[in-house]
Amino acid sequence: MQKKINIKRGDTVMVITGESKGQKGRVLKVIRSKDRALVEGINMVSRHTKPNAKAPQGGIIKQEAPIHISNIMLLDPASGIPTRVGKRLNEKNKLVRYSKKSGEEIK
């Protein structure tokens, strides 16, 4: 059984610990099996590549590396500050995520 992950692709998150602390970015991919997420512009690493069709010159390419889910926090859609996430039923009896800070529904 996998842990519940309250972060989805497309969410805006803030890094709360580590080298990139305080930076904000959009989630590009969530890797559930490893409890990690790929965040745009966060945790950049240098990758040495041989010449290929994508990079005819080869060389050093900067790209994002996955960051652990525990090191990022979802940003409140109303105020833009980090918040915890809860789940509740809305008017149409559908389970939705909501911000614990403002109580607002997260789309």
PDB file of N, CA and C in Angstrom:
ATOM      1  N   MET A   1       0.832  -1.191   0.000  1.00  0.00           N
ATOM      2  CA  MET A   1       0.000   0.000   0.000  1.00  0.00           C
ATOM      3  C   MET A   1       0.877   1.255   0.000  1.00  0.00           C
ATOM      4  N   GLN A   2       0.531   2.209  -0.862  1.00  0.00           N
ATOM      5  CA  GLN A   2       1.306   3.435  -0.947  1.00  0.00           C
ATOM      6  C   GLN A   2       0.739   4.492  -0.019  1.00  0.00           C
ATOM      7  N   LYS A   3       1.636   5.409   0.382  1.00  0.00           N
ATOM      8  CA  LYS A   3       1.201   6.523   1.220  1.00  0.00           C
ATOM      9  C   LYS A   3       0.325   7.460   0.416  1.00  0.00           C
ATOM     10  N   LYS A   4      -0.554   8.185   1.107  1.00  0.00           N
ATOM     11  CA  LYS A   4      -1.368   9.168   0.392  1.00  0.00           C
ATOM     12  C   LYS A   4      -0.500  10.388   0.093  1.00  0.00           C
ATOM     13  N   ILE A   5      -0.603  10.857  -1.130  1.00  0.00           N
ATOM     14  CA  ILE A   5       0.144  12.030  -1.554  1.00  0.00           C
ATOM     15  C   ILE A   5      -0.872  13.092  -1.960  1.00  0.00           C
ATOM     16  N   ASN A   6      -0.792  14.255  -1.308  1.00  0.00           N
ATOM     17  CA  ASN A   6      -1.771  15.313  -1.543  1.00  0.00           C
ATOM     18  C   ASN A   6      -1.344  16.289  -2.627  1.00  0.00           C
ATOM     19  N   ILE A   7      -0.232  15.998  -3.294  1.00  0.00           N
ATOM     20  CA  ILE A   7       0.268  16.886  -4.334  1.00  0.00           C
ATOM     21  C   ILE A   7       0.052  16.228  -5.682  1.00  0.00           C
ATOM     22  N   LYS A   8      -0.427  17.007  -6.646  1.00  0.00           N
ATOM     23  CA  LYS A   8      -0.704  16.486  -7.987  1.00  0.00           C
ATOM     24  C   LYS A   8       0.059  17.293  -9.020  1.00  0.00           C
ATOM     25  N   ARG A   9       0.138  16.740 -10.230  1.00  0.00           N
ATOM     26  CA  ARG A   9       0.795  17.432 -11.330  1.00  0.00           C
ATOM     27  C   ARG A   9       0.059  18.753 -11.612  1.00  0.00           C
ATOM     28  N   GLY A  10       0.814  19.818 -11.795  1.00  0.00           N
ATOM     29  CA  GLY A  10       0.216  21.126 -12.072  1.00  0.00           C
ATOM     30  C   GLY A  10       0.073  22.015 -10.850  1.00  0.00           C
ATOM     31  N   ASP A  11       0.211  21.461  -9.641  1.00  0.00           N
ATOM     32  CA  ASP A  11       0.119  22.259  -8.414  1.00  0.00           C
ATOM     33  C   ASP A  11       1.329  23.177  -8.291  1.00  0.00           C
ATOM     34  N   THR A  12       1.137  24.311  -7.633  1.00  0.00           N
ATOM     35  CA  THR A  12       2.249  25.198  -7.316  1.00  0.00           C
ATOM     36  C   THR A  12       2.682  24.898  -5.888  1.00  0.00           C
ATOM     37  N   VAL A  13       3.977  24.635  -5.726  1.00  0.00           N
ATOM     38  CA  VAL A  13       4.496  24.246  -4.410  1.00  0.00           C
ATOM     39  C   VAL A  13       5.679  25.124  -4.022  1.00  0.00           C
ATOM     40  N   MET A  14       6.008  25.082  -2.718  1.00  0.00           N
ATOM     41  CA  MET A  14       7.186  25.778  -2.206  1.00  0.00           C
ATOM     42  C   MET A  14       8.064  24.753  -1.507  1.00  0.00           C
ATOM     43  N   VAL A  15       9.377  24.886  -1.685  1.00  0.00           N
ATOM     44  CA  VAL A  15      10.327  23.994  -1.014  1.00  0.00           C
ATOM     45  C   VAL A  15      10.490  24.506   0.409  1.00  0.00           C
ATOM     46  N   ILE A  16      10.298  23.614   1.415  1.00  0.00           N
ATOM     47  CA  ILE A  16      10.358  24.054   2.811  1.00  0.00           C
ATOM     48  C   ILE A  16      11.668  23.675   3.495  1.00  0.00           C
ATOM     49  N   THR A  17      12.435  22.742   2.915  1.00  0.00           N
ATOM     50  CA  THR A  17      13.735  22.382   3.480  1.00  0.00           C
ATOM     51  C   THR A  17      14.705  22.056   2.358  1.00  0.00           C
ATOM     52  N   GLY A  18      15.976  22.091   2.691  1.00  0.00           N
ATOM     53  CA  GLY A  18      16.993  21.694   1.724  1.00  0.00           C
ATOM     54  C   GLY A  18      17.641  22.883   1.034  1.00  0.00           C
ATOM     55  N   GLU A  19      18.426  22.581   0.014  1.00  0.00           N
ATOM     56  CA  GLU A  19      19.222  23.588  -0.686  1.00  0.00           C
ATOM     57  C   GLU A  19      18.363  24.635  -1.394  1.00  0.00           C
ATOM     58  N   SER A  20      17.203  24.228  -1.886  1.00  0.00           N
ATOM     59  CA  SER A  20      16.325  25.138  -2.644  1.00  0.00           C
ATOM     60  C   SER A  20      15.244  25.760  -1.775  1.00  0.00           C
ATOM     61  N   LYS A  21      15.449  25.792  -0.458  1.00  0.00           N
ATOM     62  CA  LYS A  21      14.431  26.281   0.476  1.00  0.00           C
ATOM     63  C   LYS A  21      13.917  27.669   0.090  1.00  0.00           C
ATOM     64  N   GLY A  22      12.575  27.821   0.097  1.00  0.00           N
ATOM     65  CA  GLY A  22      11.948  29.099  -0.191  1.00  0.00           C
ATOM     66  C   GLY A  22      11.588  29.291  -1.653  1.00  0.00           C
ATOM     67  N   GLN A  23      12.083  28.431  -2.533  1.00  0.00           N
ATOM     68  CA  GLN A  23      11.782  28.573  -3.952  1.00  0.00           C
ATOM     69  C   GLN A  23      10.410  27.985  -4.270  1.00  0.00           C
ATOM     70  N   LYS A  24       9.762  28.563  -5.286  1.00  0.00           N
ATOM     71  CA  LYS A  24       8.437  28.099  -5.703  1.00  0.00           C
ATOM     72  C   LYS A  24       8.528  27.548  -7.112  1.00  0.00           C
ATOM     73  N   GLY A  25       7.658  26.597  -7.421  1.00  0.00           N
ATOM     74  CA  GLY A  25       7.632  26.037  -8.762  1.00  0.00           C
ATOM     75  C   GLY A  25       6.393  25.195  -8.987  1.00  0.00           C
ATOM     76  N   ARG A  26       6.190  24.806 -10.250  1.00  0.00           N
ATOM     77  CA  ARG A  26       5.039  23.994 -10.630  1.00  0.00           C
ATOM     78  C   ARG A  26       5.457  22.530 -10.695  1.00  0.00           C
ATOM     79  N   VAL A  27       4.618  21.636 -10.211  1.00  0.00           N
ATOM     80  CA  VAL A  27       4.919  20.201 -10.228  1.00  0.00           C
ATOM     81  C   VAL A  27       4.738  19.677 -11.653  1.00  0.00           C
ATOM     82  N   LEU A  28       5.811  19.071 -12.186  1.00  0.00           N
ATOM     83  CA  LEU A  28       5.779  18.523 -13.537  1.00  0.00           C
ATOM     84  C   LEU A  28       5.367  17.060 -13.531  1.00  0.00           C
ATOM     85  N   LYS A  29       5.766  16.326 -12.471  1.00  0.00           N
ATOM     86  CA  LYS A  29       5.507  14.893 -12.415  1.00  0.00           C
ATOM     87  C   LYS A  29       5.574  14.436 -10.967  1.00  0.00           C
ATOM     88  N   VAL A  30       4.711  13.494 -10.586  1.00  0.00           N
ATOM     89  CA  VAL A  30       4.740  12.901  -9.252  1.00  0.00           C
ATOM     90  C   VAL A  30       5.119  11.431  -9.406  1.00  0.00           C
ATOM     91  N   ILE A  31       6.170  11.007  -8.699  1.00  0.00           N
ATOM     92  CA  ILE A  31       6.630   9.617  -8.741  1.00  0.00           C
ATOM     93  C   ILE A  31       6.182   8.952  -7.445  1.00  0.00           C
ATOM     94  N   ARG A  32       5.002   8.335  -7.478  1.00  0.00           N
ATOM     95  CA  ARG A  32       4.379   7.774  -6.277  1.00  0.00           C
ATOM     96  C   ARG A  32       5.196   6.662  -5.643  1.00  0.00           C
ATOM     97  N   SER A  33       5.834   5.820  -6.460  1.00  0.00           N
ATOM     98  CA  SER A  33       6.561   4.671  -5.927  1.00  0.00           C
ATOM     99  C   SER A  33       7.760   5.087  -5.075  1.00  0.00           C
ATOM    100  N   LYS A  34       8.313   6.268  -5.353  1.00  0.00           N
ATOM    101  CA  LYS A  34       9.486   6.739  -4.614  1.00  0.00           C
ATOM    102  C   LYS A  34       9.187   7.936  -3.723  1.00  0.00           C
ATOM    103  N   ASP A  35       7.903   8.325  -3.615  1.00  0.00           N
ATOM    104  CA  ASP A  35       7.484   9.489  -2.813  1.00  0.00           C
ATOM    105  C   ASP A  35       8.239  10.753  -3.221  1.00  0.00           C
ATOM    106  N   ARG A  36       8.362  10.980  -4.514  1.00  0.00           N
ATOM    107  CA  ARG A  36       9.105  12.130  -5.018  1.00  0.00           C
ATOM    108  C   ARG A  36       8.301  12.885  -6.064  1.00  0.00           C
ATOM    109  N   ALA A  37       8.697  14.134  -6.288  1.00  0.00           N
ATOM    110  CA  ALA A  37       8.043  14.961  -7.302  1.00  0.00           C
ATOM    111  C   ALA A  37       9.099  15.730  -8.079  1.00  0.00           C
ATOM    112  N   LEU A  38       8.821  15.942  -9.343  1.00  0.00           N
ATOM    113  CA  LEU A  38       9.695  16.732 -10.201  1.00  0.00           C
ATOM    114  C   LEU A  38       9.091  18.132 -10.271  1.00  0.00           C
ATOM    115  N   VAL A  39       9.826  19.143  -9.779  1.00  0.00           N
ATOM    116  CA  VAL A  39       9.308  20.500  -9.712  1.00  0.00           C
ATOM    117  C   VAL A  39      10.112  21.396 -10.655  1.00  0.00           C
ATOM    118  N   GLU A  40       9.398  22.196 -11.427  1.00  0.00           N
ATOM    119  CA  GLU A  40      10.005  23.061 -12.437  1.00  0.00           C
ATOM    120  C   GLU A  40      10.986  24.059 -11.811  1.00  0.00           C
ATOM    121  N   GLY A  41      12.240  24.006 -12.235  1.00  0.00           N
ATOM    122  CA  GLY A  41      13.259  24.946 -11.777  1.00  0.00           C
ATOM    123  C   GLY A  41      13.844  24.669 -10.404  1.00  0.00           C
ATOM    124  N   ILE A  42      13.470  23.555  -9.776  1.00  0.00           N
ATOM    125  CA  ILE A  42      13.938  23.219  -8.431  1.00  0.00           C
ATOM    126  C   ILE A  42      14.851  21.996  -8.492  1.00  0.00           C
ATOM    127  N   ASN A  43      15.880  21.970  -7.633  1.00  0.00           N
ATOM    128  CA  ASN A  43      16.809  20.844  -7.529  1.00  0.00           C
ATOM    129  C   ASN A  43      17.483  20.562  -8.875  1.00  0.00           C
ATOM    130  N   MET A  44      18.079  21.603  -9.460  1.00  0.00           N
ATOM    131  CA  MET A  44      18.736  21.487 -10.758  1.00  0.00           C
ATOM    132  C   MET A  44      20.064  20.736 -10.619  1.00  0.00           C
ATOM    133  N   VAL A  45      20.302  19.792 -11.527  1.00  0.00           N
ATOM    134  CA  VAL A  45      21.548  19.028 -11.546  1.00  0.00           C
ATOM    135  C   VAL A  45      22.169  19.133 -12.933  1.00  0.00           C
ATOM    136  N   SER A  46      23.484  18.945 -12.998  1.00  0.00           N
ATOM    137  CA  SER A  46      24.195  18.968 -14.279  1.00  0.00           C
ATOM    138  C   SER A  46      24.320  17.543 -14.774  1.00  0.00           C
ATOM    139  N   ARG A  47      23.912  17.319 -16.002  1.00  0.00           N
ATOM    140  CA  ARG A  47      23.990  15.985 -16.578  1.00  0.00           C
ATOM    141  C   ARG A  47      24.909  16.035 -17.794  1.00  0.00           C
ATOM    142  N   HIS A  48      25.899  15.174 -17.803  1.00  0.00           N
ATOM    143  CA  HIS A  48      26.859  15.117 -18.906  1.00  0.00           C
ATOM    144  C   HIS A  48      26.299  14.184 -19.973  1.00  0.00           C
ATOM    145  N   THR A  49      26.154  14.676 -21.197  1.00  0.00           N
ATOM    146  CA  THR A  49      25.557  13.865 -22.257  1.00  0.00           C
ATOM    147  C   THR A  49      26.471  13.763 -23.471  1.00  0.00           C
ATOM    148  N   LYS A  50      26.390  12.628 -24.125  1.00  0.00           N
ATOM    149  CA  LYS A  50      27.097  12.426 -25.387  1.00  0.00           C
ATOM    150  C   LYS A  50      26.273  13.085 -26.489  1.00  0.00           C
ATOM    151  N   PRO A  51      26.897  13.397 -27.621  1.00  0.00           N
ATOM    152  CA  PRO A  51      26.111  13.950 -28.737  1.00  0.00           C
ATOM    153  C   PRO A  51      25.044  12.957 -29.196  1.00  0.00           C
ATOM    154  N   ASN A  52      23.823  13.457 -29.383  1.00  0.00           N
ATOM    155  CA  ASN A  52      22.723  12.626 -29.879  1.00  0.00           C
ATOM    156  C   ASN A  52      21.774  13.506 -30.690  1.00  0.00           C
ATOM    157  N   ALA A  53      20.644  12.958 -31.092  1.00  0.00           N
ATOM    158  CA  ALA A  53      19.701  13.707 -31.929  1.00  0.00           C
ATOM    159  C   ALA A  53      19.172  14.956 -31.216  1.00  0.00           C
ATOM    160  N   LYS A  54      18.888  14.847 -29.900  1.00  0.00           N
ATOM    161  CA  LYS A  54      18.364  15.976 -29.135  1.00  0.00           C
ATOM    162  C   LYS A  54      19.427  17.056 -28.929  1.00  0.00           C
ATOM    163  N   ALA A  55      20.631  16.617 -28.555  1.00  0.00           N
ATOM    164  CA  ALA A  55      21.736  17.545 -28.301  1.00  0.00           C
ATOM    165  C   ALA A  55      22.910  17.170 -29.207  1.00  0.00           C
ATOM    166  N   PRO A  56      22.930  17.703 -30.436  1.00  0.00           N
ATOM    167  CA  PRO A  56      23.973  17.321 -31.390  1.00  0.00           C
ATOM    168  C   PRO A  56      25.383  17.645 -30.893  1.00  0.00           C
ATOM    169  N   GLN A  57      25.510  18.674 -30.055  1.00  0.00           N
ATOM    170  CA  GLN A  57      26.817  19.048 -29.520  1.00  0.00           C
ATOM    171  C   GLN A  57      27.207  18.196 -28.323  1.00  0.00           C
ATOM    172  N   GLY A  58      26.204  17.661 -27.604  1.00  0.00           N
ATOM    173  CA  GLY A  58      26.495  16.962 -26.355  1.00  0.00           C
ATOM    174  C   GLY A  58      26.809  17.986 -25.284  1.00  0.00           C
ATOM    175  N   GLY A  59      27.601  17.604 -24.294  1.00  0.00           N
ATOM    176  CA  GLY A  59      28.025  18.549 -23.258  1.00  0.00           C
ATOM    177  C   GLY A  59      27.237  18.425 -21.977  1.00  0.00           C
ATOM    178  N   ILE A  60      27.220  19.515 -21.199  1.00  0.00           N
ATOM    179  CA  ILE A  60      26.582  19.517 -19.884  1.00  0.00           C
ATOM    180  C   ILE A  60      25.215  20.169 -19.999  1.00  0.00           C
ATOM    181  N   ILE A  61      24.181  19.443 -19.559  1.00  0.00           N
ATOM    182  CA  ILE A  61      22.803  19.932 -19.617  1.00  0.00           C
ATOM    183  C   ILE A  61      22.274  20.060 -18.192  1.00  0.00           C
ATOM    184  N   LYS A  62      21.662  21.198 -17.886  1.00  0.00           N
ATOM    185  CA  LYS A  62      21.033  21.395 -16.571  1.00  0.00           C
ATOM    186  C   LYS A  62      19.597  20.902 -16.655  1.00  0.00           C
ATOM    187  N   GLN A  63      19.189  20.080 -15.671  1.00  0.00           N
ATOM    188  CA  GLN A  63      17.813  19.598 -15.631  1.00  0.00           C
ATOM    189  C   GLN A  63      17.372  19.371 -14.191  1.00  0.00           C
ATOM    190  N   GLU A  64      16.042  19.276 -14.020  1.00  0.00           N
ATOM    191  CA  GLU A  64      15.479  19.077 -12.687  1.00  0.00           C
ATOM    192  C   GLU A  64      15.665  17.629 -12.244  1.00  0.00           C
ATOM    193  N   ALA A  65      15.917  17.450 -10.944  1.00  0.00           N
ATOM    194  CA  ALA A  65      15.963  16.116 -10.351  1.00  0.00           C
ATOM    195  C   ALA A  65      14.788  16.019  -9.383  1.00  0.00           C
ATOM    196  N   PRO A  66      14.262  14.809  -9.168  1.00  0.00           N
ATOM    197  CA  PRO A  66      13.126  14.665  -8.245  1.00  0.00           C
ATOM    198  C   PRO A  66      13.487  15.091  -6.823  1.00  0.00           C
ATOM    199  N   ILE A  67      12.512  15.665  -6.122  1.00  0.00           N
ATOM    200  CA  ILE A  67      12.683  16.088  -4.733  1.00  0.00           C
ATOM    201  C   ILE A  67      11.659  15.333  -3.891  1.00  0.00           C
ATOM    202  N   HIS A  68      12.011  15.005  -2.661  1.00  0.00           N
ATOM    203  CA  HIS A  68      11.109  14.210  -1.815  1.00  0.00           C
ATOM    204  C   HIS A  68       9.867  15.018  -1.456  1.00  0.00           C
ATOM    205  N   ILE A  69       8.727  14.330  -1.438  1.00  0.00           N
ATOM    206  CA  ILE A  69       7.421  14.954  -1.157  1.00  0.00           C
ATOM    207  C   ILE A  69       7.421  15.685   0.190  1.00  0.00           C
ATOM    208  N   SER A  70       8.155  15.155   1.179  1.00  0.00           N
ATOM    209  CA  SER A  70       8.160  15.763   2.513  1.00  0.00           C
ATOM    210  C   SER A  70       8.868  17.116   2.521  1.00  0.00           C
ATOM    211  N   ASN A  71       9.638  17.414   1.480  1.00  0.00           N
ATOM    212  CA  ASN A  71      10.375  18.674   1.434  1.00  0.00           C
ATOM    213  C   ASN A  71       9.633  19.786   0.698  1.00  0.00           C
ATOM    214  N   ILE A  72       8.442  19.487   0.190  1.00  0.00           N
ATOM    215  CA  ILE A  72       7.664  20.516  -0.502  1.00  0.00           C
ATOM    216  C   ILE A  72       6.285  20.644   0.127  1.00  0.00           C
ATOM    217  N   MET A  73       5.698  21.829  -0.024  1.00  0.00           N
ATOM    218  CA  MET A  73       4.389  22.095   0.560  1.00  0.00           C
ATOM    219  C   MET A  73       3.546  22.856  -0.453  1.00  0.00           C
ATOM    220  N   LEU A  74       2.299  22.479  -0.557  1.00  0.00           N
ATOM    221  CA  LEU A  74       1.374  23.113  -1.494  1.00  0.00           C
ATOM    222  C   LEU A  74       1.121  24.560  -1.094  1.00  0.00           C
ATOM    223  N   LEU A  75       1.002  25.446  -2.090  1.00  0.00           N
ATOM    224  CA  LEU A  75       0.700  26.854  -1.813  1.00  0.00           C
ATOM    225  C   LEU A  75      -0.808  27.079  -1.819  1.00  0.00           C
ATOM    226  N   ASP A  76      -1.272  27.844  -0.847  1.00  0.00           N
ATOM    227  CA  ASP A  76      -2.686  28.189  -0.725  1.00  0.00           C
ATOM    228  C   ASP A  76      -3.116  28.986  -1.962  1.00  0.00           C
ATOM    229  N   PRO A  77      -4.191  28.571  -2.650  1.00  0.00           N
ATOM    230  CA  PRO A  77      -4.607  29.287  -3.854  1.00  0.00           C
ATOM    231  C   PRO A  77      -5.066  30.723  -3.576  1.00  0.00           C
ATOM    232  N   ALA A  78      -5.558  30.990  -2.374  1.00  0.00           N
ATOM    233  CA  ALA A  78      -6.060  32.326  -2.045  1.00  0.00           C
ATOM    234  C   ALA A  78      -4.929  33.290  -1.695  1.00  0.00           C
ATOM    235  N   SER A  79      -4.026  32.870  -0.794  1.00  0.00           N
ATOM    236  CA  SER A  79      -3.017  33.804  -0.292  1.00  0.00           C
ATOM    237  C   SER A  79      -1.608  33.537  -0.816  1.00  0.00           C
ATOM    238  N   GLY A  80      -1.355  32.344  -1.351  1.00  0.00           N
ATOM    239  CA  GLY A  80      -0.029  32.037  -1.879  1.00  0.00           C
ATOM    240  C   GLY A  80       0.988  31.673  -0.819  1.00  0.00           C
ATOM    241  N   ILE A  81       0.512  31.298   0.384  1.00  0.00           N
ATOM    242  CA  ILE A  81       1.437  30.851   1.430  1.00  0.00           C
ATOM    243  C   ILE A  81       1.310  29.341   1.590  1.00  0.00           C
ATOM    244  N   PRO A  82       2.361  28.656   2.065  1.00  0.00           N
ATOM    245  CA  PRO A  82       2.303  27.190   2.199  1.00  0.00           C
ATOM    246  C   PRO A  82       1.195  26.761   3.152  1.00  0.00           C
ATOM    247  N   THR A  83       0.533  25.678   2.806  1.00  0.00           N
ATOM    248  CA  THR A  83      -0.583  25.187   3.617  1.00  0.00           C
ATOM    249  C   THR A  83      -0.631  23.673   3.612  1.00  0.00           C
ATOM    250  N   ARG A  84      -1.266  23.122   4.622  1.00  0.00           N
ATOM    251  CA  ARG A  84      -1.537  21.689   4.635  1.00  0.00           C
ATOM    252  C   ARG A  84      -2.789  21.450   3.805  1.00  0.00           C
ATOM    253  N   VAL A  85      -2.969  20.176   3.424  1.00  0.00           N
ATOM    254  CA  VAL A  85      -4.090  19.833   2.551  1.00  0.00           C
ATOM    255  C   VAL A  85      -5.009  18.861   3.268  1.00  0.00           C
ATOM    256  N   GLY A  86      -6.312  19.116   3.176  1.00  0.00           N
ATOM    257  CA  GLY A  86      -7.310  18.209   3.715  1.00  0.00           C
ATOM    258  C   GLY A  86      -8.216  17.744   2.589  1.00  0.00           C
ATOM    259  N   LYS A  87      -9.044  16.733   2.879  1.00  0.00           N
ATOM    260  CA  LYS A  87     -10.012  16.256   1.895  1.00  0.00           C
ATOM    261  C   LYS A  87     -11.386  16.259   2.537  1.00  0.00           C
ATOM    262  N   ARG A  88     -12.376  16.686   1.751  1.00  0.00           N
ATOM    263  CA  ARG A  88     -13.756  16.701   2.244  1.00  0.00           C
ATOM    264  C   ARG A  88     -14.710  16.572   1.068  1.00  0.00           C
ATOM    265  N   LEU A  89     -15.973  16.297   1.385  1.00  0.00           N
ATOM    266  CA  LEU A  89     -17.000  16.204   0.352  1.00  0.00           C
ATOM    267  C   LEU A  89     -17.555  17.595   0.065  1.00  0.00           C
ATOM    268  N   ASN A  90     -17.731  17.906  -1.216  1.00  0.00           N
ATOM    269  CA  ASN A  90     -18.330  19.199  -1.566  1.00  0.00           C
ATOM    270  C   ASN A  90     -19.836  19.037  -1.735  1.00  0.00           C
ATOM    271  N   GLU A  91     -20.500  20.068  -2.260  1.00  0.00           N
ATOM    272  CA  GLU A  91     -21.954  20.051  -2.389  1.00  0.00           C
ATOM    273  C   GLU A  91     -22.447  18.902  -3.271  1.00  0.00           C
ATOM    274  N   LYS A  92     -21.649  18.509  -4.255  1.00  0.00           N
ATOM    275  CA  LYS A  92     -22.056  17.456  -5.189  1.00  0.00           C
ATOM    276  C   LYS A  92     -21.612  16.068  -4.731  1.00  0.00           C
ATOM    277  N   ASN A  93     -21.290  15.948  -3.423  1.00  0.00           N
ATOM    278  CA  ASN A  93     -20.819  14.689  -2.829  1.00  0.00           C
ATOM    279  C   ASN A  93     -19.590  14.128  -3.543  1.00  0.00           C
ATOM    280  N   LYS A  94     -18.692  15.029  -3.934  1.00  0.00           N
ATOM    281  CA  LYS A  94     -17.445  14.632  -4.575  1.00  0.00           C
ATOM    282  C   LYS A  94     -16.295  14.971  -3.632  1.00  0.00           C
ATOM    283  N   LEU A  95     -15.328  14.066  -3.479  1.00  0.00           N
ATOM    284  CA  LEU A  95     -14.191  14.284  -2.601  1.00  0.00           C
ATOM    285  C   LEU A  95     -13.234  15.281  -3.247  1.00  0.00           C
ATOM    286  N   VAL A  96     -12.965  16.393  -2.560  1.00  0.00           N
ATOM    287  CA  VAL A  96     -12.085  17.434  -3.097  1.00  0.00           C
ATOM    288  C   VAL A  96     -11.009  17.787  -2.063  1.00  0.00           C
ATOM    289  N   ARG A  97      -9.896  18.334  -2.554  1.00  0.00           N
ATOM    290  CA  ARG A  97      -8.832  18.813  -1.675  1.00  0.00           C
ATOM    291  C   ARG A  97      -9.151  20.258  -1.273  1.00  0.00           C
ATOM    292  N   TYR A  98      -8.797  20.615  -0.022  1.00  0.00           N
ATOM    293  CA  TYR A  98      -8.993  21.994   0.407  1.00  0.00           C
ATOM    294  C   TYR A  98      -7.804  22.444   1.254  1.00  0.00           C
ATOM    295  N   SER A  99      -7.607  23.756   1.290  1.00  0.00           N
ATOM    296  CA  SER A  99      -6.524  24.354   2.052  1.00  0.00           C
ATOM    297  C   SER A  99      -6.919  24.441   3.519  1.00  0.00           C
ATOM    298  N   LYS A 100      -6.061  23.966   4.403  1.00  0.00           N
ATOM    299  CA  LYS A 100      -6.361  24.025   5.831  1.00  0.00           C
ATOM    300  C   LYS A 100      -6.228  25.449   6.367  1.00  0.00           C
ATOM    301  N   LYS A 101      -5.456  26.298   5.678  1.00  0.00           N
ATOM    302  CA  LYS A 101      -5.280  27.686   6.135  1.00  0.00           C
ATOM    303  C   LYS A 101      -6.514  28.518   5.847  1.00  0.00           C
ATOM    304  N   SER A 102      -6.963  28.515   4.579  1.00  0.00           N
ATOM    305  CA  SER A 102      -8.076  29.389   4.195  1.00  0.00           C
ATOM    306  C   SER A 102      -9.409  28.649   4.111  1.00  0.00           C
ATOM    307  N   GLY A 103      -9.354  27.320   4.024  1.00  0.00           N
ATOM    308  CA  GLY A 103     -10.578  26.542   3.869  1.00  0.00           C
ATOM    309  C   GLY A 103     -11.068  26.500   2.441  1.00  0.00           C
ATOM    310  N   GLU A 104     -10.326  27.134   1.529  1.00  0.00           N
ATOM    311  CA  GLU A 104     -10.736  27.206   0.131  1.00  0.00           C
ATOM    312  C   GLU A 104     -10.417  25.900  -0.600  1.00  0.00           C
ATOM    313  N   GLU A 105     -11.294  25.559  -1.530  1.00  0.00           N
ATOM    314  CA  GLU A 105     -11.119  24.343  -2.342  1.00  0.00           C
ATOM    315  C   GLU A 105      -9.941  24.503  -3.304  1.00  0.00           C
ATOM    316  N   ILE A 106      -9.165  23.449  -3.459  1.00  0.00           N
ATOM    317  CA  ILE A 106      -8.023  23.460  -4.381  1.00  0.00           C
ATOM    318  C   ILE A 106      -8.456  22.788  -5.665  1.00  0.00           C
ATOM    319  N   LYS A 107      -8.342  23.499  -6.771  1.00  0.00           N
ATOM    320  CA  LYS A 107      -8.761  22.963  -8.064  1.00  0.00           C
ATOM    321  C   LYS A 107      -7.693  22.060  -8.629  1.00  0.00           C
TER     322      LYS A 107
END
